[in-house]
Amino acid sequence: MDSQVAARIRANPNFLTLVRIRSTFAWTLAIIMLVIYYAFILLVAFAPGLMATPVIGPVTLGFPLGLGVILSAIVLTGIYVFRANGEFDDLTRKVVASVGATGAVR
């Protein structure tokens, strides 16, 4: 791809919308995951008694909370994939459609 085609893509309003929306959404999900993860780590570090609280038999509170951290990562990934396969792919198709094989903007 030559620099003129790349410049046209970067100037495309659909591309600018895609980059802005995708970046904002990705950062939001990343911050949510970091808050969940670091909250768990802080509980382990500063509230070991709470984490050692028995829930059912020998299972302590730390185990279901740890599973919650893992499941939240899976859920957040699923949310991103769902949105990427819908809205983000639609915007990407619009950008690709506006730039032909020769690089001319349609």
Protein backbone atom coordinates (compact mmCIF):
# COMPACT_ATOMS: atom_id res chain seq x y z
CA MET A 1 0.00 0.00 0.00
CA ASP A 2 1.43 3.32 -0.93
CA SER A 3 1.43 6.35 1.31
CA GLN A 4 -1.35 8.10 -0.62
CA VAL A 5 -3.76 5.21 -0.04
CA ALA A 6 -2.80 5.08 3.63
CA ALA A 7 -3.38 8.83 3.92
CA ARG A 8 -6.82 8.47 2.29
CA ILE A 9 -7.73 5.70 4.69
CA ARG A 10 -6.57 7.73 7.70
CA ALA A 11 -8.63 10.70 6.46
CA ASN A 12 -11.77 8.60 5.91
CA PRO A 13 -14.49 9.64 8.38
CA ASN A 14 -15.53 5.99 8.89
CA PHE A 15 -11.95 5.07 9.76
CA LEU A 16 -11.70 7.93 12.24
CA THR A 17 -14.98 6.85 13.81
CA LEU A 18 -13.81 3.24 13.97
CA VAL A 19 -10.53 4.14 15.64
CA ARG A 20 -12.18 6.44 18.18
CA ILE A 21 -14.99 4.06 19.14
CA ARG A 22 -12.82 0.94 19.20
CA SER A 23 -10.08 2.59 21.24
CA THR A 24 -12.51 4.00 23.78
CA PHE A 25 -14.30 0.68 24.13
CA ALA A 26 -11.08 -1.34 24.41
CA TRP A 27 -9.64 0.99 27.04
CA THR A 28 -12.88 0.87 29.01
CA LEU A 29 -12.85 -2.93 29.08
CA ALA A 30 -9.15 -2.97 29.95
CA ILE A 31 -9.69 -0.60 32.88
CA ILE A 32 -12.61 -2.69 34.13
CA MET A 33 -10.45 -5.82 34.01
CA LEU A 34 -7.55 -4.11 35.75
CA VAL A 35 -9.83 -2.87 38.53
CA ILE A 36 -11.20 -6.39 39.04
CA TYR A 37 -7.74 -7.96 38.99
CA TYR A 38 -6.09 -5.42 41.30
CA ALA A 39 -9.02 -5.49 43.70
CA PHE A 40 -8.49 -9.24 44.00
CA ILE A 41 -4.74 -8.80 44.53
CA LEU A 42 -5.34 -6.10 47.15
CA LEU A 43 -7.74 -8.40 48.98
CA VAL A 44 -5.13 -11.14 48.97
CA ALA A 45 -2.46 -8.74 50.25
CA PHE A 46 -4.40 -6.72 52.79
CA ALA A 47 -7.35 -8.90 53.82
CA PRO A 48 -6.00 -12.44 54.03
CA GLY A 49 -8.40 -13.21 56.87
CA LEU A 50 -11.36 -12.32 54.67
CA MET A 51 -10.00 -14.42 51.81
CA ALA A 52 -9.51 -17.35 54.21
CA THR A 53 -13.13 -17.25 55.34
CA PRO A 54 -14.68 -20.68 54.78
CA VAL A 55 -17.62 -20.65 52.38
CA ILE A 56 -18.56 -24.31 51.94
CA GLY A 57 -16.54 -26.89 53.82
CA PRO A 58 -12.84 -26.44 53.05
CA VAL A 59 -13.49 -23.94 50.23
CA THR A 60 -12.50 -20.41 51.23
CA LEU A 61 -13.81 -17.12 49.86
CA GLY A 62 -10.60 -16.65 47.86
CA PHE A 63 -11.43 -19.55 45.55
CA PRO A 64 -14.78 -18.28 44.20
CA LEU A 65 -13.38 -14.74 43.99
CA GLY A 66 -10.43 -16.06 41.95
CA LEU A 67 -12.84 -17.87 39.67
CA GLY A 68 -14.78 -14.64 39.37
CA VAL A 69 -11.66 -12.85 38.13
CA ILE A 70 -11.13 -15.52 35.47
CA LEU A 71 -14.79 -15.55 34.44
CA SER A 72 -14.89 -11.76 34.24
CA ALA A 73 -11.97 -11.86 31.79
CA ILE A 74 -13.86 -14.39 29.65
CA VAL A 75 -17.07 -12.33 29.77
CA LEU A 76 -15.29 -9.07 28.90
CA THR A 77 -13.54 -10.80 25.99
CA GLY A 78 -16.89 -12.10 24.77
CA ILE A 79 -18.38 -8.61 24.97
CA TYR A 80 -15.50 -7.22 22.91
CA VAL A 81 -15.76 -9.99 20.29
CA PHE A 82 -19.54 -9.52 20.02
CA ARG A 83 -19.16 -5.81 19.38
CA ALA A 84 -16.13 -6.27 17.10
CA ASN A 85 -18.01 -8.75 14.91
CA GLY A 86 -20.90 -6.33 14.58
CA GLU A 87 -20.29 -2.61 14.73
CA PHE A 88 -16.51 -2.64 14.18
CA ASP A 89 -16.70 -5.00 11.20
CA ASP A 90 -19.43 -2.86 9.62
CA LEU A 91 -17.25 0.24 9.90
CA THR A 92 -14.26 -1.67 8.53
CA ARG A 93 -16.30 -2.78 5.50
CA LYS A 94 -17.31 0.83 4.86
CA VAL A 95 -13.66 1.92 4.94
CA VAL A 96 -12.60 -0.89 2.60
CA ALA A 97 -15.49 -0.13 0.23
CA SER A 98 -14.44 3.50 -0.02
CA VAL A 99 -10.93 2.55 -1.16
CA GLY A 100 -10.76 0.53 -4.39
CA ALA A 101 -8.10 -1.96 -5.47
CA THR A 102 -6.27 0.84 -7.30
CA GLY A 103 -6.30 2.98 -4.21
CA ALA A 104 -8.74 5.51 -5.62
CA VAL A 105 -11.41 6.75 -3.26
CA ARG A 106 -14.88 5.94 -4.54
